[in-house]
PDB file of N, CA and C in Angstrom:
ATOM      1  N   UNK A   1      20.650  -6.973  -3.570  1.00  0.00           N
ATOM      2  CA  UNK A   1      20.034  -6.260  -4.670  1.00  0.00           C
ATOM      3  C   UNK A   1      19.967  -4.772  -4.318  1.00  0.00           C
ATOM      4  N   UNK A   2      21.101  -4.111  -4.284  1.00  0.00           N
ATOM      5  CA  UNK A   2      21.099  -2.688  -3.963  1.00  0.00           C
ATOM      6  C   UNK A   2      20.351  -1.894  -5.031  1.00  0.00           C
ATOM      7  N   UNK A   3      19.796  -0.780  -4.624  1.00  0.00           N
ATOM      8  CA  UNK A   3      19.048   0.062  -5.553  1.00  0.00           C
ATOM      9  C   UNK A   3      19.736   1.407  -5.670  1.00  0.00           C
ATOM     10  N   UNK A   4      19.692   1.960  -6.847  1.00  0.00           N
ATOM     11  CA  UNK A   4      20.213   3.292  -7.079  1.00  0.00           C
ATOM     12  C   UNK A   4      19.325   4.272  -6.312  1.00  0.00           C
ATOM     13  N   UNK A   5      19.868   5.031  -5.359  1.00  0.00           N
ATOM     14  CA  UNK A   5      19.043   5.935  -4.562  1.00  0.00           C
ATOM     15  C   UNK A   5      18.277   6.956  -5.404  1.00  0.00           C
ATOM     16  N   UNK A   6      18.789   7.287  -6.590  1.00  0.00           N
ATOM     17  CA  UNK A   6      18.106   8.231  -7.458  1.00  0.00           C
ATOM     18  C   UNK A   6      16.774   7.712  -7.978  1.00  0.00           C
ATOM     19  N   UNK A   7      16.589   6.394  -7.949  1.00  0.00           N
ATOM     20  CA  UNK A   7      15.320   5.809  -8.397  1.00  0.00           C
ATOM     21  C   UNK A   7      14.230   5.950  -7.337  1.00  0.00           C
ATOM     22  N   UNK A   8      14.618   6.168  -6.097  1.00  0.00           N
ATOM     23  CA  UNK A   8      13.641   6.361  -5.017  1.00  0.00           C
ATOM     24  C   UNK A   8      13.277   7.844  -5.001  1.00  0.00           C
ATOM     25  N   UNK A   9      12.386   8.237  -5.902  1.00  0.00           N
ATOM     26  CA  UNK A   9      12.112   9.653  -6.125  1.00  0.00           C
ATOM     27  C   UNK A   9      10.676  10.065  -5.799  1.00  0.00           C
ATOM     28  N   UNK A  10       9.958   9.255  -5.058  1.00  0.00           N
ATOM     29  CA  UNK A  10       8.591   9.572  -4.644  1.00  0.00           C
ATOM     30  C   UNK A  10       8.515   9.476  -3.121  1.00  0.00           C
ATOM     31  N   UNK A  11       8.051  10.532  -2.483  1.00  0.00           N
ATOM     32  CA  UNK A  11       7.904  10.515  -1.016  1.00  0.00           C
ATOM     33  C   UNK A  11       6.544   9.914  -0.699  1.00  0.00           C
ATOM     34  N   UNK A  12       6.532   8.796   0.011  1.00  0.00           N
ATOM     35  CA  UNK A  12       5.295   8.087   0.325  1.00  0.00           C
ATOM     36  C   UNK A  12       5.138   7.968   1.835  1.00  0.00           C
ATOM     37  N   UNK A  13       3.902   7.702   2.249  1.00  0.00           N
ATOM     38  CA  UNK A  13       3.600   7.499   3.660  1.00  0.00           C
ATOM     39  C   UNK A  13       2.992   6.109   3.820  1.00  0.00           C
ATOM     40  N   UNK A  14       3.497   5.370   4.787  1.00  0.00           N
ATOM     41  CA  UNK A  14       2.943   4.053   5.087  1.00  0.00           C
ATOM     42  C   UNK A  14       1.939   4.210   6.219  1.00  0.00           C
ATOM     43  N   UNK A  15       0.790   3.565   6.070  1.00  0.00           N
ATOM     44  CA  UNK A  15      -0.254   3.637   7.089  1.00  0.00           C
ATOM     45  C   UNK A  15      -0.670   2.243   7.527  1.00  0.00           C
ATOM     46  N   UNK A  16      -1.107   2.154   8.782  1.00  0.00           N
ATOM     47  CA  UNK A  16      -1.636   0.917   9.348  1.00  0.00           C
ATOM     48  C   UNK A  16      -3.045   1.193   9.860  1.00  0.00           C
ATOM     49  N   UNK A  17      -3.881   0.177   9.783  1.00  0.00           N
ATOM     50  CA  UNK A  17      -5.255   0.291  10.278  1.00  0.00           C
ATOM     51  C   UNK A  17      -5.270  -0.028  11.764  1.00  0.00           C
ATOM     52  N   UNK A  18      -5.886   0.861  12.533  1.00  0.00           N
ATOM     53  CA  UNK A  18      -5.994   0.640  13.975  1.00  0.00           C
ATOM     54  C   UNK A  18      -7.450   0.793  14.399  1.00  0.00           C
ATOM     55  N   UNK A  19      -7.885  -0.006  15.361  1.00  0.00           N
ATOM     56  CA  UNK A  19      -9.263   0.134  15.832  1.00  0.00           C
ATOM     57  C   UNK A  19      -9.441   1.445  16.585  1.00  0.00           C
ATOM     58  N   UNK A  20     -10.555   2.091  16.361  1.00  0.00           N
ATOM     59  CA  UNK A  20     -10.867   3.342  17.047  1.00  0.00           C
ATOM     60  C   UNK A  20     -12.241   3.194  17.671  1.00  0.00           C
ATOM     61  N   UNK A  21     -12.290   2.625  18.851  1.00  0.00           N
ATOM     62  CA  UNK A  21     -13.564   2.333  19.512  1.00  0.00           C
ATOM     63  C   UNK A  21     -14.478   3.540  19.677  1.00  0.00           C
ATOM     64  N   UNK A  22     -13.957   4.725  20.003  1.00  0.00           N
ATOM     65  CA  UNK A  22     -14.879   5.846  20.180  1.00  0.00           C
ATOM     66  C   UNK A  22     -15.654   6.207  18.910  1.00  0.00           C
ATOM     67  N   UNK A  23     -15.054   5.966  17.745  1.00  0.00           N
ATOM     68  CA  UNK A  23     -15.744   6.253  16.484  1.00  0.00           C
ATOM     69  C   UNK A  23     -16.549   5.028  16.089  1.00  0.00           C
ATOM     70  N   UNK A  24     -17.849   5.144  16.088  1.00  0.00           N
ATOM     71  CA  UNK A  24     -18.677   4.011  15.722  1.00  0.00           C
ATOM     72  C   UNK A  24     -19.690   4.424  14.679  1.00  0.00           C
ATOM     73  N   UNK A  25     -20.008   3.465  13.811  1.00  0.00           N
ATOM     74  CA  UNK A  25     -21.042   3.695  12.818  1.00  0.00           C
ATOM     75  C   UNK A  25     -22.394   3.683  13.513  1.00  0.00           C
ATOM     76  N   UNK A  26     -23.444   3.988  12.764  1.00  0.00           N
ATOM     77  CA  UNK A  26     -24.800   3.980  13.307  1.00  0.00           C
ATOM     78  C   UNK A  26     -25.177   2.598  13.829  1.00  0.00           C
ATOM     79  N   UNK A  27     -24.530   1.556  13.312  1.00  0.00           N
ATOM     80  CA  UNK A  27     -24.823   0.197  13.750  1.00  0.00           C
ATOM     81  C   UNK A  27     -24.187  -0.137  15.086  1.00  0.00           C
ATOM     82  N   UNK A  28     -23.315   0.733  15.578  1.00  0.00           N
ATOM     83  CA  UNK A  28     -22.634   0.462  16.834  1.00  0.00           C
ATOM     84  C   UNK A  28     -21.332  -0.289  16.646  1.00  0.00           C
ATOM     85  N   UNK A  29     -21.014  -0.651  15.393  1.00  0.00           N
ATOM     86  CA  UNK A  29     -19.769  -1.367  15.115  1.00  0.00           C
ATOM     87  C   UNK A  29     -18.599  -0.389  15.176  1.00  0.00           C
ATOM     88  N   UNK A  30     -17.467  -0.822  15.736  1.00  0.00           N
ATOM     89  CA  UNK A  30     -16.301   0.057  15.765  1.00  0.00           C
ATOM     90  C   UNK A  30     -15.803   0.335  14.338  1.00  0.00           C
ATOM     91  N   UNK A  31     -15.297   1.516  14.133  1.00  0.00           N
ATOM     92  CA  UNK A  31     -14.758   1.908  12.835  1.00  0.00           C
ATOM     93  C   UNK A  31     -13.243   1.980  12.962  1.00  0.00           C
ATOM     94  N   UNK A  32     -12.554   1.261  12.076  1.00  0.00           N
ATOM     95  CA  UNK A  32     -11.098   1.336  12.074  1.00  0.00           C
ATOM     96  C   UNK A  32     -10.673   2.627  11.382  1.00  0.00           C
ATOM     97  N   UNK A  33      -9.539   3.162  11.800  1.00  0.00           N
ATOM     98  CA  UNK A  33      -8.980   4.353  11.169  1.00  0.00           C
ATOM     99  C   UNK A  33      -7.558   4.038  10.726  1.00  0.00           C
ATOM    100  N   UNK A  34      -7.082   4.788   9.748  1.00  0.00           N
ATOM    101  CA  UNK A  34      -5.719   4.627   9.259  1.00  0.00           C
ATOM    102  C   UNK A  34      -4.835   5.652   9.951  1.00  0.00           C
ATOM    103  N   UNK A  35      -3.672   5.208  10.395  1.00  0.00           N
ATOM    104  CA  UNK A  35      -2.733   6.114  11.045  1.00  0.00           C
ATOM    105  C   UNK A  35      -1.361   5.984  10.376  1.00  0.00           C
ATOM    106  N   UNK A  36      -0.656   7.098  10.267  1.00  0.00           N
ATOM    107  CA  UNK A  36       0.671   7.092   9.659  1.00  0.00           C
ATOM    108  C   UNK A  36       1.649   6.347  10.562  1.00  0.00           C
ATOM    109  N   UNK A  37       2.458   5.466   9.955  1.00  0.00           N
ATOM    110  CA  UNK A  37       3.483   4.754  10.720  1.00  0.00           C
ATOM    111  C   UNK A  37       4.888   5.057  10.209  1.00  0.00           C
ATOM    112  N   UNK A  38       4.968   5.810   9.124  1.00  0.00           N
ATOM    113  CA  UNK A  38       6.287   6.187   8.626  1.00  0.00           C
ATOM    114  C   UNK A  38       6.218   6.755   7.227  1.00  0.00           C
ATOM    115  N   UNK A  39       7.222   7.545   6.897  1.00  0.00           N
ATOM    116  CA  UNK A  39       7.356   8.093   5.550  1.00  0.00           C
ATOM    117  C   UNK A  39       8.728   7.697   5.026  1.00  0.00           C
ATOM    118  N   UNK A  40       8.817   7.519   3.715  1.00  0.00           N
ATOM    119  CA  UNK A  40      10.092   7.129   3.123  1.00  0.00           C
ATOM    120  C   UNK A  40      10.081   7.474   1.640  1.00  0.00           C
ATOM    121  N   UNK A  41      11.246   7.335   1.029  1.00  0.00           N
ATOM    122  CA  UNK A  41      11.373   7.533  -0.405  1.00  0.00           C
ATOM    123  C   UNK A  41      11.144   6.198  -1.095  1.00  0.00           C
ATOM    124  N   UNK A  42      10.502   6.248  -2.262  1.00  0.00           N
ATOM    125  CA  UNK A  42      10.122   5.028  -2.964  1.00  0.00           C
ATOM    126  C   UNK A  42      10.161   5.241  -4.465  1.00  0.00           C
ATOM    127  N   UNK A  43      10.142   4.134  -5.190  1.00  0.00           N
ATOM    128  CA  UNK A  43       9.871   4.176  -6.626  1.00  0.00           C
ATOM    129  C   UNK A  43       8.531   3.476  -6.827  1.00  0.00           C
ATOM    130  N   UNK A  44       7.754   3.991  -7.762  1.00  0.00           N
ATOM    131  CA  UNK A  44       6.438   3.414  -8.052  1.00  0.00           C
ATOM    132  C   UNK A  44       6.415   3.046  -9.524  1.00  0.00           C
ATOM    133  N   UNK A  45       6.236   1.767  -9.798  1.00  0.00           N
ATOM    134  CA  UNK A  45       6.219   1.265 -11.165  1.00  0.00           C
ATOM    135  C   UNK A  45       4.919   0.522 -11.423  1.00  0.00           C
ATOM    136  N   UNK A  46       4.106   1.008 -12.372  1.00  0.00           N
ATOM    137  CA  UNK A  46       2.915   0.241 -12.734  1.00  0.00           C
ATOM    138  C   UNK A  46       3.351  -1.095 -13.329  1.00  0.00           C
ATOM    139  N   UNK A  47       2.643  -2.155 -12.996  1.00  0.00           N
ATOM    140  CA  UNK A  47       2.958  -3.472 -13.538  1.00  0.00           C
ATOM    141  C   UNK A  47       2.434  -3.574 -14.963  1.00  0.00           C
ATOM    142  N   UNK A  48       3.214  -4.153 -15.823  1.00  0.00           N
ATOM    143  CA  UNK A  48       2.775  -4.340 -17.198  1.00  0.00           C
ATOM    144  C   UNK A  48       1.585  -5.292 -17.218  1.00  0.00           C
ATOM    145  N   UNK A  49       0.538  -4.900 -17.884  1.00  0.00           N
ATOM    146  CA  UNK A  49      -0.656  -5.736 -17.932  1.00  0.00           C
ATOM    147  C   UNK A  49      -1.348  -5.833 -16.597  1.00  0.00           C
ATOM    148  N   UNK A  50      -1.059  -4.885 -15.696  1.00  0.00           N
ATOM    149  CA  UNK A  50      -1.572  -4.970 -14.343  1.00  0.00           C
ATOM    150  C   UNK A  50      -2.976  -4.449 -14.140  1.00  0.00           C
ATOM    151  N   UNK A  51      -3.542  -3.777 -15.129  1.00  0.00           N
ATOM    152  CA  UNK A  51      -4.901  -3.253 -14.949  1.00  0.00           C
ATOM    153  C   UNK A  51      -5.904  -4.377 -15.164  1.00  0.00           C
ATOM    154  N   UNK A  52      -6.914  -4.413 -14.349  1.00  0.00           N
ATOM    155  CA  UNK A  52      -7.957  -5.413 -14.514  1.00  0.00           C
ATOM    156  C   UNK A  52      -9.277  -4.816 -14.083  1.00  0.00           C
ATOM    157  N   UNK A  53     -10.333  -5.400 -14.558  1.00  0.00           N
ATOM    158  CA  UNK A  53     -11.673  -4.956 -14.184  1.00  0.00           C
ATOM    159  C   UNK A  53     -12.146  -5.830 -13.035  1.00  0.00           C
ATOM    160  N   UNK A  54     -12.887  -5.246 -12.119  1.00  0.00           N
ATOM    161  CA  UNK A  54     -13.439  -6.039 -11.023  1.00  0.00           C
ATOM    162  C   UNK A  54     -14.891  -5.664 -10.846  1.00  0.00           C
ATOM    163  N   UNK A  55     -15.651  -6.632 -10.392  1.00  0.00           N
ATOM    164  CA  UNK A  55     -17.067  -6.416 -10.143  1.00  0.00           C
ATOM    165  C   UNK A  55     -17.307  -6.722  -8.682  1.00  0.00           C
ATOM    166  N   UNK A  56     -17.616  -5.695  -7.913  1.00  0.00           N
ATOM    167  CA  UNK A  56     -17.861  -5.879  -6.496  1.00  0.00           C
ATOM    168  C   UNK A  56     -18.954  -4.936  -6.055  1.00  0.00           C
ATOM    169  N   UNK A  57     -19.812  -5.401  -5.184  1.00  0.00           N
ATOM    170  CA  UNK A  57     -20.928  -4.610  -4.680  1.00  0.00           C
ATOM    171  C   UNK A  57     -21.736  -4.030  -5.843  1.00  0.00           C
ATOM    172  N   UNK A  58     -21.908  -4.825  -6.870  1.00  0.00           N
ATOM    173  CA  UNK A  58     -22.668  -4.461  -8.061  1.00  0.00           C
ATOM    174  C   UNK A  58     -22.145  -3.176  -8.697  1.00  0.00           C
ATOM    175  N   UNK A  59     -20.847  -3.031  -8.680  1.00  0.00           N
ATOM    176  CA  UNK A  59     -20.234  -1.832  -9.219  1.00  0.00           C
ATOM    177  C   UNK A  59     -18.988  -2.247  -9.989  1.00  0.00           C
ATOM    178  N   UNK A  60     -18.886  -1.825 -11.228  1.00  0.00           N
ATOM    179  CA  UNK A  60     -17.735  -2.158 -12.039  1.00  0.00           C
ATOM    180  C   UNK A  60     -16.643  -1.133 -11.785  1.00  0.00           C
ATOM    181  N   UNK A  61     -15.450  -1.596 -11.493  1.00  0.00           N
ATOM    182  CA  UNK A  61     -14.354  -0.673 -11.227  1.00  0.00           C
ATOM    183  C   UNK A  61     -13.078  -1.191 -11.847  1.00  0.00           C
ATOM    184  N   UNK A  62     -12.066  -0.370 -11.863  1.00  0.00           N
ATOM    185  CA  UNK A  62     -10.782  -0.740 -12.419  1.00  0.00           C
ATOM    186  C   UNK A  62      -9.766  -0.822 -11.289  1.00  0.00           C
ATOM    187  N   UNK A  63      -8.928  -1.841 -11.338  1.00  0.00           N
ATOM    188  CA  UNK A  63      -7.878  -2.014 -10.334  1.00  0.00           C
ATOM    189  C   UNK A  63      -6.546  -1.969 -11.065  1.00  0.00           C
ATOM    190  N   UNK A  64      -5.671  -1.102 -10.639  1.00  0.00           N
ATOM    191  CA  UNK A  64      -4.353  -0.994 -11.238  1.00  0.00           C
ATOM    192  C   UNK A  64      -3.354  -1.592 -10.261  1.00  0.00           C
ATOM    193  N   UNK A  65      -2.460  -2.418 -10.751  1.00  0.00           N
ATOM    194  CA  UNK A  65      -1.445  -2.994  -9.872  1.00  0.00           C
ATOM    195  C   UNK A  65      -0.116  -2.296 -10.126  1.00  0.00           C
ATOM    196  N   UNK A  66       0.627  -2.114  -9.055  1.00  0.00           N
ATOM    197  CA  UNK A  66       1.929  -1.459  -9.120  1.00  0.00           C
ATOM    198  C   UNK A  66       2.886  -2.139  -8.169  1.00  0.00           C
ATOM    199  N   UNK A  67       4.161  -1.954  -8.436  1.00  0.00           N
ATOM    200  CA  UNK A  67       5.205  -2.382  -7.515  1.00  0.00           C
ATOM    201  C   UNK A  67       5.851  -1.136  -6.953  1.00  0.00           C
ATOM    202  N   UNK A  68       5.839  -1.020  -5.644  1.00  0.00           N
ATOM    203  CA  UNK A  68       6.476   0.100  -4.953  1.00  0.00           C
ATOM    204  C   UNK A  68       7.717  -0.450  -4.264  1.00  0.00           C
ATOM    205  N   UNK A  69       8.850   0.144  -4.554  1.00  0.00           N
ATOM    206  CA  UNK A  69      10.112  -0.302  -3.970  1.00  0.00           C
ATOM    207  C   UNK A  69      10.559   0.725  -2.938  1.00  0.00           C
ATOM    208  N   UNK A  70      10.895   0.220  -1.741  1.00  0.00           N
ATOM    209  CA  UNK A  70      11.392   1.072  -0.662  1.00  0.00           C
ATOM    210  C   UNK A  70      12.640   0.420  -0.064  1.00  0.00           C
ATOM    211  N   UNK A  71      13.385   1.198   0.704  1.00  0.00           N
ATOM    212  CA  UNK A  71      14.483   0.590   1.453  1.00  0.00           C
ATOM    213  C   UNK A  71      13.886  -0.349   2.495  1.00  0.00           C
ATOM    214  N   UNK A  72      14.635  -1.359   2.879  1.00  0.00           N
ATOM    215  CA  UNK A  72      14.137  -2.343   3.842  1.00  0.00           C
ATOM    216  C   UNK A  72      13.726  -1.670   5.152  1.00  0.00           C
ATOM    217  N   UNK A  73      12.591  -2.086   5.671  1.00  0.00           N
ATOM    218  CA  UNK A  73      12.114  -1.651   6.990  1.00  0.00           C
ATOM    219  C   UNK A  73      11.380  -2.826   7.609  1.00  0.00           C
ATOM    220  N   UNK A  74      11.615  -3.087   8.868  1.00  0.00           N
ATOM    221  CA  UNK A  74      10.914  -4.185   9.519  1.00  0.00           C
ATOM    222  C   UNK A  74       9.477  -3.758   9.800  1.00  0.00           C
ATOM    223  N   UNK A  75       8.586  -4.718   9.878  1.00  0.00           N
ATOM    224  CA  UNK A  75       7.208  -4.437  10.245  1.00  0.00           C
ATOM    225  C   UNK A  75       6.287  -4.079   9.096  1.00  0.00           C
ATOM    226  N   UNK A  76       6.787  -4.044   7.876  1.00  0.00           N
ATOM    227  CA  UNK A  76       5.933  -3.751   6.728  1.00  0.00           C
ATOM    228  C   UNK A  76       5.185  -5.031   6.362  1.00  0.00           C
ATOM    229  N   UNK A  77       3.852  -4.946   6.248  1.00  0.00           N
ATOM    230  CA  UNK A  77       3.088  -6.142   5.898  1.00  0.00           C
ATOM    231  C   UNK A  77       1.854  -5.783   5.063  1.00  0.00           C
ATOM    232  N   UNK A  78       1.156  -6.820   4.622  1.00  0.00           N
ATOM    233  CA  UNK A  78       0.037  -6.657   3.698  1.00  0.00           C
ATOM    234  C   UNK A  78      -1.222  -6.095   4.341  1.00  0.00           C
ATOM    235  N   UNK A  79      -1.208  -5.844   5.623  1.00  0.00           N
ATOM    236  CA  UNK A  79      -2.369  -5.204   6.251  1.00  0.00           C
ATOM    237  C   UNK A  79      -2.283  -3.685   6.154  1.00  0.00           C
ATOM    238  N   UNK A  80      -1.178  -3.195   5.622  1.00  0.00           N
ATOM    239  CA  UNK A  80      -0.935  -1.758   5.563  1.00  0.00           C
ATOM    240  C   UNK A  80      -1.225  -1.215   4.160  1.00  0.00           C
ATOM    241  N   UNK A  81      -1.082   0.091   4.020  1.00  0.00           N
ATOM    242  CA  UNK A  81      -1.259   0.720   2.722  1.00  0.00           C
ATOM    243  C   UNK A  81      -0.248   1.847   2.570  1.00  0.00           C
ATOM    244  N   UNK A  82      -0.104   2.294   1.325  1.00  0.00           N
ATOM    245  CA  UNK A  82       0.829   3.366   0.993  1.00  0.00           C
ATOM    246  C   UNK A  82       0.039   4.537   0.423  1.00  0.00           C
ATOM    247  N   UNK A  83       0.361   5.749   0.888  1.00  0.00           N
ATOM    248  CA  UNK A  83      -0.222   6.958   0.333  1.00  0.00           C
ATOM    249  C   UNK A  83       0.844   7.678  -0.470  1.00  0.00           C
ATOM    250  N   UNK A  84       0.451   8.110  -1.665  1.00  0.00           N
ATOM    251  CA  UNK A  84       1.308   8.964  -2.473  1.00  0.00           C
ATOM    252  C   UNK A  84       0.424  10.081  -3.007  1.00  0.00           C
ATOM    253  N   UNK A  85       0.551  11.248  -2.426  1.00  0.00           N
ATOM    254  CA  UNK A  85      -0.354  12.343  -2.776  1.00  0.00           C
ATOM    255  C   UNK A  85      -1.777  11.945  -2.398  1.00  0.00           C
ATOM    256  N   UNK A  86      -2.667  11.983  -3.372  1.00  0.00           N
ATOM    257  CA  UNK A  86      -4.056  11.583  -3.119  1.00  0.00           C
ATOM    258  C   UNK A  86      -4.306  10.136  -3.493  1.00  0.00           C
ATOM    259  N   UNK A  87      -3.275   9.433  -3.921  1.00  0.00           N
ATOM    260  CA  UNK A  87      -3.431   8.043  -4.356  1.00  0.00           C
ATOM    261  C   UNK A  87      -3.223   7.092  -3.184  1.00  0.00           C
ATOM    262  N   UNK A  88      -4.024   6.037  -3.164  1.00  0.00           N
ATOM    263  CA  UNK A  88      -3.943   5.023  -2.114  1.00  0.00           C
ATOM    264  C   UNK A  88      -3.583   3.695  -2.751  1.00  0.00           C
ATOM    265  N   UNK A  89      -2.524   3.086  -2.260  1.00  0.00           N
ATOM    266  CA  UNK A  89      -2.078   1.781  -2.740  1.00  0.00           C
ATOM    267  C   UNK A  89      -2.258   0.770  -1.604  1.00  0.00           C
ATOM    268  N   UNK A  90      -3.055  -0.239  -1.841  1.00  0.00           N
ATOM    269  CA  UNK A  90      -3.264  -1.303  -0.859  1.00  0.00           C
ATOM    270  C   UNK A  90      -2.190  -2.368  -1.071  1.00  0.00           C
ATOM    271  N   UNK A  91      -1.436  -2.673  -0.033  1.00  0.00           N
ATOM    272  CA  UNK A  91      -0.358  -3.661  -0.136  1.00  0.00           C
ATOM    273  C   UNK A  91      -0.977  -5.055  -0.165  1.00  0.00           C
ATOM    274  N   UNK A  92      -0.655  -5.802  -1.208  1.00  0.00           N
ATOM    275  CA  UNK A  92      -1.146  -7.173  -1.359  1.00  0.00           C
ATOM    276  C   UNK A  92      -0.086  -8.174  -0.891  1.00  0.00           C
ATOM    277  N   UNK A  93       1.180  -7.872  -1.178  1.00  0.00           N
ATOM    278  CA  UNK A  93       2.275  -8.760  -0.775  1.00  0.00           C
ATOM    279  C   UNK A  93       3.541  -7.938  -0.586  1.00  0.00           C
ATOM    280  N   UNK A  94       4.417  -8.425   0.291  1.00  0.00           N
ATOM    281  CA  UNK A  94       5.696  -7.780   0.571  1.00  0.00           C
ATOM    282  C   UNK A  94       6.795  -8.780   0.221  1.00  0.00           C
ATOM    283  N   UNK A  95       7.708  -8.375  -0.662  1.00  0.00           N
ATOM    284  CA  UNK A  95       8.784  -9.251  -1.109  1.00  0.00           C
ATOM    285  C   UNK A  95      10.119  -8.648  -0.677  1.00  0.00           C
ATOM    286  N   UNK A  96      10.935  -9.457  -0.016  1.00  0.00           N
ATOM    287  CA  UNK A  96      12.299  -9.081   0.361  1.00  0.00           C
ATOM    288  C   UNK A  96      13.215  -9.879  -0.565  1.00  0.00           C
ATOM    289  N   UNK A  97      13.619  -9.284  -1.717  1.00  0.00           N
ATOM    290  CA  UNK A  97      14.403 -10.046  -2.691  1.00  0.00           C
ATOM    291  C   UNK A  97      15.646 -10.681  -2.079  1.00  0.00           C
ATOM    292  N   UNK A  98      15.783 -11.965  -2.310  1.00  0.00           N
ATOM    293  CA  UNK A  98      16.919 -12.754  -1.819  1.00  0.00           C
ATOM    294  C   UNK A  98      17.053 -12.702  -0.297  1.00  0.00           C
ATOM    295  N   UNK A  99      16.011 -12.265   0.394  1.00  0.00           N
ATOM    296  CA  UNK A  99      16.046 -12.132   1.861  1.00  0.00           C
ATOM    297  C   UNK A  99      17.283 -11.355   2.303  1.00  0.00           C
ATOM    298  N   UNK A 100      17.643 -10.342   1.509  1.00  0.00           N
ATOM    299  CA  UNK A 100      18.863  -9.581   1.757  1.00  0.00           C
ATOM    300  C   UNK A 100      18.656  -8.416   2.721  1.00  0.00           C
ATOM    301  N   UNK A 101      17.411  -8.077   3.031  1.00  0.00           N
ATOM    302  CA  UNK A 101      17.104  -6.955   3.927  1.00  0.00           C
ATOM    303  C   UNK A 101      17.717  -5.636   3.436  1.00  0.00           C
ATOM    304  N   UNK A 102      17.687  -5.444   2.120  1.00  0.00           N
ATOM    305  CA  UNK A 102      18.171  -4.187   1.548  1.00  0.00           C
ATOM    306  C   UNK A 102      17.018  -3.348   1.024  1.00  0.00           C
ATOM    307  N   UNK A 103      16.105  -3.992   0.298  1.00  0.00           N
ATOM    308  CA  UNK A 103      14.931  -3.308  -0.228  1.00  0.00           C
ATOM    309  C   UNK A 103      13.709  -4.184   0.005  1.00  0.00           C
ATOM    310  N   UNK A 104      12.549  -3.573  -0.096  1.00  0.00           N
ATOM    311  CA  UNK A 104      11.289  -4.313  -0.099  1.00  0.00           C
ATOM    312  C   UNK A 104      10.534  -3.926  -1.355  1.00  0.00           C
ATOM    313  N   UNK A 105       9.946  -4.916  -2.000  1.00  0.00           N
ATOM    314  CA  UNK A 105       9.066  -4.673  -3.132  1.00  0.00           C
ATOM    315  C   UNK A 105       7.644  -4.910  -2.641  1.00  0.00           C
ATOM    316  N   UNK A 106       6.829  -3.864  -2.706  1.00  0.00           N
ATOM    317  CA  UNK A 106       5.450  -3.946  -2.243  1.00  0.00           C
ATOM    318  C   UNK A 106       4.554  -4.100  -3.463  1.00  0.00           C
ATOM    319  N   UNK A 107       3.896  -5.235  -3.574  1.00  0.00           N
ATOM    320  CA  UNK A 107       2.969  -5.462  -4.672  1.00  0.00           C
ATOM    321  C   UNK A 107       1.636  -4.898  -4.222  1.00  0.00           C
ATOM    322  N   UNK A 108       1.117  -3.941  -4.981  1.00  0.00           N
ATOM    323  CA  UNK A 108      -0.034  -3.147  -4.525  1.00  0.00           C
ATOM    324  C   UNK A 108      -1.136  -3.086  -5.571  1.00  0.00           C
ATOM    325  N   UNK A 109      -2.346  -2.836  -5.086  1.00  0.00           N
ATOM    326  CA  UNK A 109      -3.466  -2.512  -5.962  1.00  0.00           C
ATOM    327  C   UNK A 109      -3.877  -1.085  -5.669  1.00  0.00           C
ATOM    328  N   UNK A 110      -4.423  -0.466  -6.679  1.00  0.00           N
ATOM    329  CA  UNK A 110      -4.908   0.897  -6.541  1.00  0.00           C
ATOM    330  C   UNK A 110      -6.264   0.940  -7.239  1.00  0.00           C
ATOM    331  N   UNK A 111      -7.229   1.601  -6.630  1.00  0.00           N
ATOM    332  CA  UNK A 111      -8.526   1.706  -7.251  1.00  0.00           C
ATOM    333  C   UNK A 111      -9.615   1.051  -6.412  1.00  0.00           C
ATOM    334  N   UNK A 112      -9.237   0.059  -5.647  1.00  0.00           N
ATOM    335  CA  UNK A 112     -10.136  -0.527  -4.669  1.00  0.00           C
ATOM    336  C   UNK A 112      -9.530  -0.232  -3.309  1.00  0.00           C
ATOM    337  N   UNK A 113     -10.361   0.094  -2.361  1.00  0.00           N
ATOM    338  CA  UNK A 113      -9.833   0.428  -1.043  1.00  0.00           C
ATOM    339  C   UNK A 113     -10.721  -0.159   0.021  1.00  0.00           C
ATOM    340  N   UNK A 114     -10.120  -0.723   1.029  1.00  0.00           N
ATOM    341  CA  UNK A 114     -10.872  -1.336   2.113  1.00  0.00           C
ATOM    342  C   UNK A 114     -10.984  -0.398   3.299  1.00  0.00           C
ATOM    343  N   UNK A 115     -11.300   0.816   3.079  1.00  0.00           N
ATOM    344  CA  UNK A 115     -11.455   1.735   4.184  1.00  0.00           C
ATOM    345  C   UNK A 115     -10.703   2.948   3.943  1.00  0.00           C
TER     346      UNK A 115
END
């Protein structure tokens, strides 16, 4: 499933969460930090009907789902996130269409963030 390189028109940064023991909250619990693990070109497509309302921590918020397509890279997984400008996309699932190792489709949420 080759992709037209012209469609990869957004420069994004992939980040992974790493433990940072020296940084601790007032409770003494370690605080994880996000670190850049790579940058690449991508396409970002909002999913049709992908917006939904969520109720968490007694707060109503909106979650937008998108599919981000990148060239294949090993090590991409759902524990990571994508930054595009000031927007944060949390990776929910990683799809390698036809297991061809040509592209990855990252199914993401935006609007809720786990750190």
